[in-house]
Every structure is written in C-alpha cells, then in structure tokens.
Amino acid sequence: MNPDSLLIPTEVVSWVEQIVGCPIKSVARVTGGLSRKAYSIELTCANQLGSMSAFLMLQGPIDNGGNRRDSQVLMLLESERVMTPRVIAYNRELEALLMEKLEGQAQFSMVVDASTRRLVSEDLMLNLARLHAVMPDRDIAGDQAAPASAREAAVNILQPIIDSCRANPALVDPFCEFCLAWLWNNLPSCDAELGLVHGDIGPGNFLFQNGKVTGIVDWELAHIGDPMEDLARLYIRSMSVPMGNLATMMEVYQAFSGTIVDRNRIAYYIVLTLLKSIMLIRQALHGSADTVEAPQKYMYEAFLMRAAVDVLLSVNDVQPPPEVEPEPAVAPDSEKLIACDMLIYEIRKHLQPGVKDSWASERLDWALRLAEFLKRSESLGPGFKAQELRDLESLAPRPFENLEQAQEHVLELIREWQAEDLPQLLVYFSRQVNRICCLRKDLLGNLFNNRIQF
C-alpha cells in the first residue's frame, strides 16, 4: 500500500477491505471541497460493481452529514435516469461513503472544443430535467416534511440566514440588510412544481466523457425545492468557469423538462444563494485570520457581492452607474507604501523562486496578492472613503459627520423603504461594491473582469 493510505484511519481501511473482500492496493488523495476528504482507491480484486477501483469520501473538519445525505440521494436515484455514481457501502459510525469511481473528467474549464462544451452542457440540462421530476414523499434529510410551495421552499433557505444575521449583528451591514429586505419582499408566490434539486450544480460537480455526463456528484446540499434554484447555481458557478451561452442552456432545459424557466425566480435564488455564501464567509473570517483559505474568502466576498448587485440591477431594470476609480490620495513616497513595495519585492525576488512545494507556492502567491492589496488600499483608500460618504449623502437631505453616521441613516432607509427608493439604493450599492472590488483587484486577479451573465 502506498504512503498516502496512511492518511486514512486504520479502521476505515479495515472497513473498506471487509466490504470489497480483498486488500487495498493503493490510495490517492483527490483535491476538492473543504467539507470532506476524497480518495481514489485501487483494489487487488473486483468490487461488488465489477471494478478494480472505488471512490471514498470521509468526513472533513466542517462536515455536516454530507456523506449520509450523499448516500441517501444516490440510493434514491438508482432507479431514476439521472447519471450518478452507485453506492457500494456507507458506514454511519465512521461517516465513510464508498462508491463507484466514475469515468471521465471534472475540469470543464479544460475543454476548448466548442462542440464538446455544447454537448456536455445539453446533456447536463437533460439530467437536471430528469432530476427535478423526482419528488420523494418526504424530505431526504430525514423526517422533515417537504415544503408545500415555492414560497415555503424559499423561506426554508432564507429564514436561517435571517436568524444567523440577528445572532451575529457584527457581520451585518447595509448591503446585507438591503438583500434580506429585498428577498423577503419578493418571495416566490407562484404555484411552481417542486422537485429534487442538487443544491450546488455546476462545473466541478459533474464528470463527463465523449460529450456526455457520466455522473453528477457532491449531493450534500440536495433537498426538495424549486428547480429554479439549480438553474441559479449554474449562473453563479459560470462566473468562475464559463459554461457557454446560459440563455441557450435555459432553452434546452425548458425543452427537456416542459417547465417554464422563470427569470425572476432564477434572479431570486441567485441573490439568495450569494447572500448565504457571503454570510458564511463573514462568519469564517470574523475575529480571526486563522481560517482555511482566508485570502480567498476575502476575495470571494467582494466577487459575490458584486454579482448579487448586478443581478438586482438587471431584474429591477435599473441602469448601472459608471464605475469610477479615484486618483491616489497618498504620496508614493509614504512610509507605508514604501514598506509594501519592499515586501512585494522580497516575495517576488527572494522567496517565490526558491519554493518548490506546490502548496507553499500557492500560499506565497496569496501572500503576494495580500501585499499588493495593502498597497492599493493605502493609496486609494482615502479617495474611496470620500466617494462613499458623497454617495451616502446623496441618499439623504443632509450632510453627515462621518461614515458611521451615514451608514446608520441608510439602515433606517432600508428598514422603511418604499418601491420608489429601490433605484437609488441599487445605484448606491452598485457604486459601493465596485469600489470594494477595485480595492481588492489584486486579490481577485483574473476574476476581476468576470461578471455574472444575467
């Protein structure tokens, strides 16, 4: 057995070998999400599915029962026409899931042939249409009853976010309050048919080969809900890994499913999903920088905030304001800017060339991005604060002494907002998130110019 197998607890090794009836030949760690650990396993005999390989999922540091949910959904879908890996065994005590190792690749961004991308995207839409036609008698989470309507399905997602915000007021700002207010005022009211939704569908969560989807994976967020939620996820994930023409993909889904694609409900679930992710990021970062991938989380907070505002502008027919970057307000020979330049030079000239370990190299790259972000913030920050105060004052009939006082006024406006207030609030938040993204431009890297297609 190779050294990587030492990463798997001995009791899990014993369980796997007992299930398949022979020793493990080799184990390789598979990179993926943070919630669980994944391994590709080669066996010395054929398993129950006739294969010499298998795929193992173990509980990670922030797992919330994902393996149990995966096993429930996958076994439910065995009798359906949705492409999924088959379950070999699940151990509740070990929180270990052993399943079929699928053929194909997951890196959709590596596909350069337009015809192949189109074929895979269309087949994914076919699988989603089949998935959304599945309606279990009860929620797959356990004894919880399935939502009775699209409105109830949305409330089931929104209410925990509201509760979390009220329990963590330090994480809540005018942007968060505005999104919560808009979401509550625009809850879906139609009699939409519900079905089984994946909850995180998009590039990275399906494998494909020869223009076909070989299997959809990572079902830990699956639940009974509004199919438009999965379509919203495609828009979100396509910001990082473009899937092609999303409008055409929606037409394909509508043809396969017979379900009318509701743009307003898709917009609703985009904003809802983005706000949920933003609040999770803020919870992870609050009070400590000692958290997994903190610089990436700081980057994604800005990236997701901008996407939410872009969708809100579009669905409410509000013209986005021009993006303005102020001139540097700090002299280039200031002590802090010189220190930032020295740090950037040290990393690029002396540290990066000597690092061979891929993980350490990646962390050093993020350290360099942070140094460049600090330099940019020091140079442009004062001008951005002045712009922020002017924009806040445009929402009120009076000037403010400081930003805190102005933000408090905006919170009051949001709590009592009327329909006529929506355009000016959206214009303000558009300016705000664009400023935030501009300050974090070095952290965003190639994502800086990626906007949501909606």
Protein backbone atom coordinates (compact mmCIF):
# COMPACT_ATOMS: atom_id res chain seq x y z
CA MET A 1 0.00 0.00 0.00
CA ASN A 2 1.35 3.45 -0.85
CA PRO A 3 2.15 6.10 1.82
CA ASP A 4 -1.00 8.10 1.02
CA SER A 5 -3.06 5.31 2.57
CA LEU A 6 -1.68 6.38 5.94
CA LEU A 7 -3.98 9.41 5.65
CA ILE A 8 -6.94 7.07 6.01
CA PRO A 9 -7.66 5.86 9.56
CA THR A 10 -6.88 2.18 10.07
CA GLU A 11 -10.48 1.43 10.99
CA VAL A 12 -11.61 2.85 7.63
CA VAL A 13 -9.02 0.74 5.79
CA SER A 14 -10.30 -2.35 7.62
CA TRP A 15 -13.92 -1.47 6.78
CA VAL A 16 -13.17 -0.95 3.07
CA GLU A 17 -11.24 -4.20 2.81
CA GLN A 18 -14.03 -6.06 4.61
CA ILE A 19 -16.63 -4.62 2.22
CA VAL A 20 -14.74 -5.40 -1.00
CA GLY A 21 -13.29 -8.69 0.25
CA CYS A 22 -9.63 -8.00 -0.53
CA PRO A 23 -6.73 -5.71 0.42
CA ILE A 24 -6.36 -2.17 -0.86
CA LYS A 25 -3.62 -1.84 -3.47
CA SER A 26 -3.14 1.95 -3.41
CA VAL A 27 -4.77 5.20 -2.30
CA ALA A 28 -4.51 8.69 -3.80
CA ARG A 29 -5.90 11.88 -2.25
CA VAL A 30 -8.25 13.78 -4.56
CA THR A 31 -8.38 17.56 -4.21
CA GLY A 32 -11.81 19.10 -3.88
CA GLY A 33 -14.03 20.95 -1.42
CA LEU A 34 -13.26 21.81 2.17
CA SER A 35 -16.15 19.97 3.79
CA ARG A 36 -14.98 16.42 3.07
CA LYS A 37 -11.90 14.40 2.15
CA ALA A 38 -11.92 12.32 -1.03
CA TYR A 39 -9.72 9.41 -2.10
CA SER A 40 -9.32 7.30 -5.22
CA ILE A 41 -8.74 3.67 -4.26
CA GLU A 42 -7.24 0.87 -6.34
CA LEU A 43 -8.11 -2.66 -5.23
CA THR A 44 -6.44 -6.07 -5.59
CA CYS A 45 -9.76 -7.59 -6.68
CA ALA A 46 -13.00 -6.56 -8.35
CA ASN A 47 -15.56 -4.94 -6.06
CA GLN A 48 -19.32 -5.56 -5.99
CA LEU A 49 -19.70 -3.45 -9.15
CA GLY A 50 -17.06 -5.46 -11.03
CA SER A 51 -14.45 -2.70 -10.88
CA MET A 52 -10.88 -2.77 -9.57
CA SER A 53 -11.27 0.78 -8.24
CA ALA A 54 -13.55 2.76 -5.93
CA PHE A 55 -14.07 6.27 -4.57
CA LEU A 56 -14.02 7.01 -0.84
CA MET A 57 -15.46 10.05 0.94
CA LEU A 58 -14.57 10.78 4.58
CA GLN A 59 -15.84 13.42 6.96
CA GLY A 60 -13.87 16.67 6.87
CA PRO A 61 -13.36 19.35 9.55
CA ILE A 62 -16.61 21.17 8.68
CA ASP A 63 -18.73 18.24 7.51
CA ASN A 64 -22.44 18.44 8.35
CA GLY A 65 -23.58 14.97 7.46
CA GLY A 66 -22.72 15.26 3.79
CA ASN A 67 -21.82 11.58 3.37
CA ARG A 68 -25.14 10.49 4.85
CA ARG A 69 -27.00 12.87 2.56
CA ASP A 70 -24.97 11.69 -0.43
CA SER A 71 -25.74 8.05 0.26
CA GLN A 72 -29.47 8.76 0.72
CA VAL A 73 -29.76 10.68 -2.55
CA LEU A 74 -27.63 8.31 -4.59
CA MET A 75 -29.59 5.27 -3.47
CA LEU A 76 -32.84 7.12 -4.18
CA LEU A 77 -31.67 7.94 -7.71
CA GLU A 78 -30.52 4.41 -8.57
CA SER A 79 -33.95 3.73 -10.05
CA GLU A 80 -34.06 7.05 -11.92
CA ARG A 81 -32.47 8.06 -15.22
CA VAL A 82 -30.10 10.58 -13.63
CA MET A 83 -26.40 9.84 -14.13
CA THR A 84 -24.86 9.31 -10.68
CA PRO A 85 -22.20 7.08 -9.08
CA ARG A 86 -23.54 3.91 -7.48
CA VAL A 87 -23.11 3.38 -3.73
CA ILE A 88 -21.07 0.37 -2.61
CA ALA A 89 -21.47 0.94 1.15
CA TYR A 90 -21.97 3.63 3.79
CA ASN A 91 -20.79 3.47 7.41
CA ARG A 92 -22.60 5.88 9.70
CA GLU A 93 -20.21 5.40 12.64
CA LEU A 94 -17.15 6.16 10.52
CA GLU A 95 -19.00 8.72 8.36
CA ALA A 96 -17.45 6.95 5.39
CA LEU A 97 -19.01 6.55 1.95
CA LEU A 98 -17.61 4.05 -0.56
CA MET A 99 -18.94 4.37 -4.08
CA GLU A 100 -18.30 3.78 -7.74
CA LYS A 101 -15.35 5.57 -9.32
CA LEU A 102 -16.75 7.31 -12.38
CA GLU A 103 -15.17 7.51 -15.80
CA GLY A 104 -14.42 10.94 -17.22
CA GLN A 105 -13.07 14.28 -16.04
CA ALA A 106 -14.47 17.11 -13.92
CA GLN A 107 -12.38 20.01 -15.30
CA PHE A 108 -14.91 21.63 -17.64
CA SER A 109 -12.62 24.67 -17.97
CA MET A 110 -10.08 22.46 -19.78
CA VAL A 111 -12.48 21.72 -22.64
CA VAL A 112 -11.60 24.02 -25.53
CA ASP A 113 -13.72 22.41 -28.26
CA ALA A 114 -16.97 24.39 -28.56
CA SER A 115 -18.92 21.41 -29.88
CA THR A 116 -17.91 19.26 -26.90
CA ARG A 117 -18.80 22.01 -24.45
CA ARG A 118 -22.23 22.36 -26.07
CA LEU A 119 -22.89 18.61 -25.99
CA VAL A 120 -21.88 18.30 -22.34
CA SER A 121 -23.97 21.34 -21.35
CA GLU A 122 -27.03 19.97 -23.14
CA ASP A 123 -26.63 16.56 -21.51
CA LEU A 124 -26.32 18.24 -18.12
CA MET A 125 -29.63 20.03 -18.77
CA LEU A 126 -31.23 16.68 -19.64
CA ASN A 127 -30.01 15.19 -16.36
CA LEU A 128 -31.27 18.21 -14.42
CA ALA A 129 -34.69 17.92 -16.07
CA ARG A 130 -34.85 14.25 -15.03
CA LEU A 131 -33.65 15.08 -11.51
CA HIS A 132 -36.26 17.80 -10.98
CA ALA A 133 -39.01 15.36 -11.98
CA VAL A 134 -38.13 13.25 -8.90
CA MET A 135 -40.34 14.08 -5.91
CA PRO A 136 -39.77 11.93 -2.79
CA ASP A 137 -42.66 11.61 -0.31
CA ARG A 138 -40.59 13.28 2.42
CA ASP A 139 -37.51 15.43 2.55
CA ILE A 140 -34.37 13.37 2.11
CA ALA A 141 -32.90 14.99 5.23
CA GLY A 142 -34.97 12.68 7.42
CA ASP A 143 -38.37 13.16 8.97
CA GLN A 144 -38.76 16.77 7.88
CA ALA A 145 -41.81 17.28 5.68
CA ALA A 146 -41.19 18.54 2.17
CA PRO A 147 -42.13 22.20 1.52
CA ALA A 148 -45.68 22.63 0.28
CA SER A 149 -44.97 25.53 -2.08
CA ALA A 150 -42.25 27.51 -3.84
CA ARG A 151 -42.69 30.23 -1.23
CA GLU A 152 -42.16 27.80 1.64
CA ALA A 153 -39.12 26.32 -0.12
CA ALA A 154 -37.57 29.79 -0.34
CA VAL A 155 -38.41 30.61 3.28
CA ASN A 156 -36.71 27.38 4.37
CA ILE A 157 -33.46 28.76 2.95
CA LEU A 158 -33.96 32.43 3.82
CA GLN A 159 -35.07 32.10 7.45
CA PRO A 160 -31.81 30.51 8.71
CA ILE A 161 -29.88 33.37 7.08
CA ILE A 162 -32.10 35.91 8.85
CA ASP A 163 -31.62 34.06 12.15
CA SER A 164 -27.85 33.99 11.64
CA CYS A 165 -27.76 37.72 10.91
CA ARG A 166 -29.76 38.51 14.02
CA ALA A 167 -27.46 36.30 16.10
CA ASN A 168 -24.32 37.92 14.64
CA PRO A 169 -25.09 41.66 14.30
CA ALA A 170 -21.39 42.47 13.88
CA LEU A 171 -21.49 40.73 10.48
CA VAL A 172 -24.48 42.69 9.22
CA ASP A 173 -24.06 45.88 7.19
CA PRO A 174 -26.41 47.93 4.96
CA PHE A 175 -25.68 45.63 2.00
CA CYS A 176 -26.78 42.58 3.97
CA GLU A 177 -29.89 44.32 5.33
CA PHE A 178 -30.84 45.50 1.85
CA CYS A 179 -30.55 41.99 0.36
CA LEU A 180 -32.57 40.50 3.22
CA ALA A 181 -35.30 43.10 2.78
CA TRP A 182 -35.46 42.56 -0.99
CA LEU A 183 -35.57 38.79 -0.60
CA TRP A 184 -38.35 38.92 1.97
CA ASN A 185 -40.40 41.36 -0.10
CA ASN A 186 -40.01 39.24 -3.25
CA LEU A 187 -40.64 35.71 -2.01
CA PRO A 188 -41.86 33.48 -4.87
CA SER A 189 -45.66 33.43 -4.87
CA CYS A 190 -46.40 31.23 -7.89
CA ASP A 191 -47.67 27.66 -7.74
CA ALA A 192 -44.42 26.22 -9.13
CA GLU A 193 -43.91 22.48 -9.07
CA LEU A 194 -41.19 21.38 -6.67
CA GLY A 195 -38.73 18.55 -7.12
CA LEU A 196 -35.40 17.18 -6.01
CA VAL A 197 -32.66 19.79 -6.53
CA HIS A 198 -28.92 19.24 -6.33
CA GLY A 199 -28.22 22.47 -4.47
CA ASP A 200 -24.70 23.08 -5.86
CA ILE A 201 -24.78 22.06 -9.50
CA GLY A 202 -22.20 23.36 -11.94
CA PRO A 203 -18.62 22.81 -13.19
CA GLY A 204 -16.67 20.66 -10.75
CA ASN A 205 -19.72 18.75 -9.53
CA PHE A 206 -20.22 16.58 -12.57
CA LEU A 207 -17.95 14.34 -14.64
CA PHE A 208 -18.12 13.96 -18.40
CA GLN A 209 -16.63 11.96 -21.25
CA ASN A 210 -17.20 11.91 -25.02
CA GLY A 211 -19.74 14.75 -24.84
CA LYS A 212 -21.86 13.05 -22.18
CA VAL A 213 -22.26 13.48 -18.42
CA THR A 214 -21.01 10.31 -16.74
CA GLY A 215 -22.23 11.30 -13.30
CA ILE A 216 -23.31 14.15 -11.03
CA VAL A 217 -21.51 14.17 -7.67
CA ASP A 218 -21.48 16.01 -4.31
CA TRP A 219 -25.10 15.74 -3.16
CA GLU A 220 -24.61 17.05 0.38
CA LEU A 221 -26.83 20.10 -0.28
CA ALA A 222 -29.59 18.19 -2.09
CA HIS A 223 -33.15 18.86 -0.95
CA ILE A 224 -36.71 19.21 -2.17
CA GLY A 225 -37.15 22.68 -3.56
CA ASP A 226 -37.68 24.93 -6.56
CA PRO A 227 -35.88 23.74 -9.74
CA MET A 228 -35.04 27.37 -10.49
CA GLU A 229 -32.57 27.15 -7.59
CA ASP A 230 -30.37 24.74 -9.55
CA LEU A 231 -30.56 26.94 -12.64
CA ALA A 232 -29.48 29.88 -10.47
CA ARG A 233 -26.47 27.86 -9.33
CA LEU A 234 -25.38 27.44 -12.94
CA TYR A 235 -25.29 31.22 -13.37
CA ILE A 236 -23.21 31.56 -10.20
CA ARG A 237 -20.71 28.82 -10.99
CA SER A 238 -20.34 30.05 -14.57
CA MET A 239 -18.79 33.25 -13.24
CA SER A 240 -15.64 31.26 -12.43
CA VAL A 241 -15.91 28.51 -15.07
CA PRO A 242 -17.99 29.71 -18.04
CA MET A 243 -20.28 27.00 -19.41
CA GLY A 244 -21.25 28.78 -22.62
CA ASN A 245 -24.42 30.58 -23.59
CA LEU A 246 -26.59 30.29 -20.48
CA ALA A 247 -29.68 31.64 -22.22
CA THR A 248 -29.44 28.79 -24.73
CA MET A 249 -28.92 26.30 -21.90
CA MET A 250 -32.11 27.55 -20.26
CA GLU A 251 -33.99 26.99 -23.52
CA VAL A 252 -32.62 23.44 -23.68
CA TYR A 253 -33.68 22.79 -20.09
CA GLN A 254 -37.17 24.12 -20.80
CA ALA A 255 -37.49 21.83 -23.84
CA PHE A 256 -36.35 18.76 -21.89
CA SER A 257 -38.37 19.44 -18.73
CA GLY A 258 -41.52 21.08 -20.06
CA THR A 259 -41.11 23.60 -17.23
CA ILE A 260 -41.22 27.33 -17.98
CA VAL A 261 -37.93 28.93 -16.99
CA ASP A 262 -38.83 31.84 -14.69
CA ARG A 263 -36.16 34.54 -14.92
CA ASN A 264 -37.44 36.35 -11.83
CA ARG A 265 -37.24 33.22 -9.69
CA ILE A 266 -33.77 32.46 -11.01
CA ALA A 267 -32.72 36.00 -10.02
CA TYR A 268 -34.26 35.47 -6.59
CA TYR A 269 -32.27 32.29 -5.98
CA ILE A 270 -29.06 33.83 -7.32
CA VAL A 271 -29.28 36.65 -4.76
CA LEU A 272 -30.39 34.25 -2.00
CA THR A 273 -27.54 31.82 -2.68
CA LEU A 274 -24.95 34.60 -2.94
CA LEU A 275 -26.07 36.20 0.32
CA LYS A 276 -25.91 32.84 2.08
CA SER A 277 -22.34 32.34 0.84
CA ILE A 278 -21.34 35.89 1.81
CA MET A 279 -22.60 35.42 5.36
CA LEU A 280 -20.78 32.08 5.67
CA ILE A 281 -17.58 33.81 4.51
CA ARG A 282 -18.04 36.59 7.06
CA GLN A 283 -18.63 34.08 9.85
CA ALA A 284 -15.44 32.24 8.90
CA LEU A 285 -13.39 35.45 8.82
CA HIS A 286 -14.91 37.21 11.83
CA GLY A 287 -12.49 37.80 14.67
CA SER A 288 -9.62 35.73 13.26
CA ALA A 289 -7.44 35.46 10.17
CA ASP A 290 -6.51 31.92 11.23
CA THR A 291 -9.02 30.21 8.99
CA VAL A 292 -8.83 27.97 5.94
CA GLU A 293 -8.03 29.99 2.80
CA ALA A 294 -8.72 33.37 4.43
CA PRO A 295 -7.39 35.48 1.49
CA GLN A 296 -9.59 33.56 -0.97
CA LYS A 297 -12.62 34.09 1.25
CA TYR A 298 -11.88 37.83 1.43
CA MET A 299 -11.65 37.87 -2.37
CA TYR A 300 -14.86 35.90 -2.90
CA GLU A 301 -16.82 38.13 -0.54
CA ALA A 302 -16.29 41.08 -2.91
CA PHE A 303 -16.81 38.92 -6.01
CA LEU A 304 -20.15 37.59 -4.77
CA MET A 305 -21.39 40.98 -3.51
CA ARG A 306 -20.84 42.49 -6.95
CA ALA A 307 -22.67 39.61 -8.63
CA ALA A 308 -25.68 40.00 -6.32
CA VAL A 309 -25.96 43.72 -7.09
CA ASP A 310 -25.53 43.12 -10.83
CA VAL A 311 -28.47 40.69 -10.78
CA LEU A 312 -30.60 43.05 -8.69
CA LEU A 313 -29.92 45.88 -11.15
CA SER A 314 -30.88 43.66 -14.08
CA VAL A 315 -34.05 42.13 -12.68
CA ASN A 316 -35.28 45.53 -11.48
CA ASP A 317 -34.44 47.30 -14.78
CA VAL A 318 -32.11 49.80 -13.12
CA GLN A 319 -29.26 51.16 -15.23
CA PRO A 320 -25.88 50.50 -13.56
CA PRO A 321 -23.87 53.63 -12.80
CA PRO A 322 -20.44 54.23 -14.37
CA GLU A 323 -17.50 52.82 -12.44
CA VAL A 324 -15.08 55.48 -11.24
CA GLU A 325 -11.63 54.88 -9.75
CA PRO A 326 -10.21 57.88 -7.85
CA GLU A 327 -6.70 59.17 -8.14
CA PRO A 328 -4.23 58.01 -5.47
CA ALA A 329 -4.63 60.14 -2.36
CA VAL A 330 -1.35 59.15 -0.68
CA ALA A 331 2.09 60.26 -1.81
CA PRO A 332 4.05 57.41 -3.45
CA ASP A 333 6.98 58.01 -1.06
CA SER A 334 4.85 57.49 2.07
CA GLU A 335 6.32 55.11 4.62
CA LYS A 336 3.55 52.50 4.32
CA LEU A 337 3.68 52.40 0.51
CA ILE A 338 7.46 52.02 0.59
CA ALA A 339 7.07 49.16 3.10
CA CYS A 340 4.53 47.48 0.80
CA ASP A 341 6.91 47.79 -2.17
CA MET A 342 9.71 46.27 -0.09
CA LEU A 343 7.51 43.34 0.94
CA ILE A 344 6.36 42.73 -2.65
CA TYR A 345 9.99 42.82 -3.84
CA GLU A 346 11.14 40.35 -1.17
CA ILE A 347 8.41 37.86 -2.07
CA ARG A 348 8.96 38.07 -5.83
CA LYS A 349 12.76 38.27 -5.84
CA HIS A 350 13.87 36.09 -2.94
CA LEU A 351 11.01 33.86 -1.76
CA GLN A 352 8.99 32.69 -4.76
CA PRO A 353 11.95 31.45 -6.90
CA GLY A 354 13.13 29.09 -4.17
CA VAL A 355 9.81 27.47 -3.27
CA LYS A 356 9.28 24.05 -4.83
CA ASP A 357 6.36 22.72 -2.78
CA SER A 358 3.09 23.38 -4.67
CA TRP A 359 1.04 24.11 -1.54
CA ALA A 360 3.66 26.52 -0.15
CA SER A 361 3.95 28.18 -3.55
CA GLU A 362 0.20 28.76 -3.67
CA ARG A 363 0.18 30.25 -0.16
CA LEU A 364 3.08 32.52 -1.07
CA ASP A 365 1.20 33.70 -4.15
CA TRP A 366 -1.70 34.69 -1.91
CA ALA A 367 0.70 36.46 0.46
CA LEU A 368 1.92 38.47 -2.53
CA ARG A 369 -1.66 39.32 -3.50
CA LEU A 370 -2.33 40.48 0.05
CA ALA A 371 0.74 42.74 -0.02
CA GLU A 372 -0.42 44.25 -3.33
CA PHE A 373 -3.91 44.70 -1.86
CA LEU A 374 -2.49 46.54 1.17
CA LYS A 375 -0.55 48.86 -1.14
CA ARG A 376 -3.64 49.58 -3.21
CA SER A 377 -5.78 50.17 -0.12
CA GLU A 378 -3.24 52.58 1.31
CA SER A 379 -3.05 54.51 -1.95
CA LEU A 380 -6.72 54.60 -2.99
CA GLY A 381 -8.50 54.05 0.32
CA PRO A 382 -8.91 57.70 1.35
CA GLY A 383 -10.37 58.63 -2.03
CA PHE A 384 -12.77 55.71 -1.88
CA LYS A 385 -13.95 56.72 1.58
CA ALA A 386 -14.63 60.23 0.32
CA GLN A 387 -16.64 58.79 -2.59
CA GLU A 388 -18.56 56.55 -0.21
CA LEU A 389 -19.54 59.47 2.00
CA ARG A 390 -20.69 61.53 -1.01
CA ASP A 391 -22.83 58.63 -2.26
CA LEU A 392 -24.38 58.13 1.15
CA GLU A 393 -25.16 61.83 1.40
CA SER A 394 -26.95 61.62 -1.96
CA LEU A 395 -29.49 59.34 -0.24
CA ALA A 396 -30.23 61.90 2.46
CA PRO A 397 -31.25 65.55 2.56
CA ARG A 398 -28.36 66.45 4.87
CA PRO A 399 -24.58 66.01 5.23
CA PHE A 400 -23.05 63.58 7.73
CA GLU A 401 -20.12 63.98 10.09
CA ASN A 402 -18.67 60.54 9.33
CA LEU A 403 -19.29 57.25 7.52
CA GLU A 404 -20.76 55.53 10.57
CA GLN A 405 -23.48 58.17 10.91
CA ALA A 406 -24.25 57.98 7.18
CA GLN A 407 -24.48 54.17 7.23
CA GLU A 408 -26.87 54.31 10.15
CA HIS A 409 -29.13 56.56 8.10
CA VAL A 410 -29.03 54.08 5.20
CA LEU A 411 -30.05 51.28 7.57
CA GLU A 412 -33.06 53.35 8.63
CA LEU A 413 -33.94 53.97 4.99
CA ILE A 414 -33.73 50.24 4.22
CA ARG A 415 -35.95 49.31 7.15
CA GLU A 416 -38.66 51.65 5.88
CA TRP A 417 -38.02 51.56 2.14
CA GLN A 418 -40.71 52.09 -0.43
CA ALA A 419 -40.77 50.99 -4.08
CA GLU A 420 -39.60 54.42 -5.21
CA ASP A 421 -36.45 54.08 -3.06
CA LEU A 422 -35.24 50.95 -4.88
CA PRO A 423 -33.44 52.55 -7.87
CA GLN A 424 -31.34 54.98 -5.80
CA LEU A 425 -30.47 52.26 -3.27
CA LEU A 426 -29.37 49.91 -6.04
CA VAL A 427 -27.24 52.63 -7.65
CA TYR A 428 -25.59 53.31 -4.29
CA PHE A 429 -24.83 49.62 -3.63
CA SER A 430 -23.54 49.21 -7.18
CA ARG A 431 -21.06 52.04 -6.61
CA GLN A 432 -20.12 50.58 -3.22
CA VAL A 433 -19.42 47.01 -4.36
CA ASN A 434 -17.50 48.25 -7.39
CA ARG A 435 -15.29 50.27 -5.04
CA ILE A 436 -14.74 47.20 -2.87
CA CYS A 437 -13.82 45.11 -5.92
CA CYS A 438 -11.49 47.84 -7.13
CA LEU A 439 -9.67 47.87 -3.79
CA ARG A 440 -9.41 44.06 -3.85
CA LYS A 441 -8.42 43.95 -7.53
CA ASP A 442 -5.11 42.22 -6.80
CA LEU A 443 -6.88 39.57 -4.73
CA LEU A 444 -9.48 39.00 -7.45
CA GLY A 445 -6.87 38.52 -10.15
CA ASN A 446 -8.45 37.13 -13.31
CA LEU A 447 -11.89 37.20 -11.68
CA PHE A 448 -11.88 41.00 -11.54
CA ASN A 449 -13.35 41.26 -15.05
CA ASN A 450 -15.72 38.29 -14.68
CA ARG A 451 -19.31 39.44 -14.34
CA ILE A 452 -22.37 37.28 -13.98
CA GLN A 453 -24.25 36.57 -17.23
CA PHE A 454 -27.77 37.60 -16.44
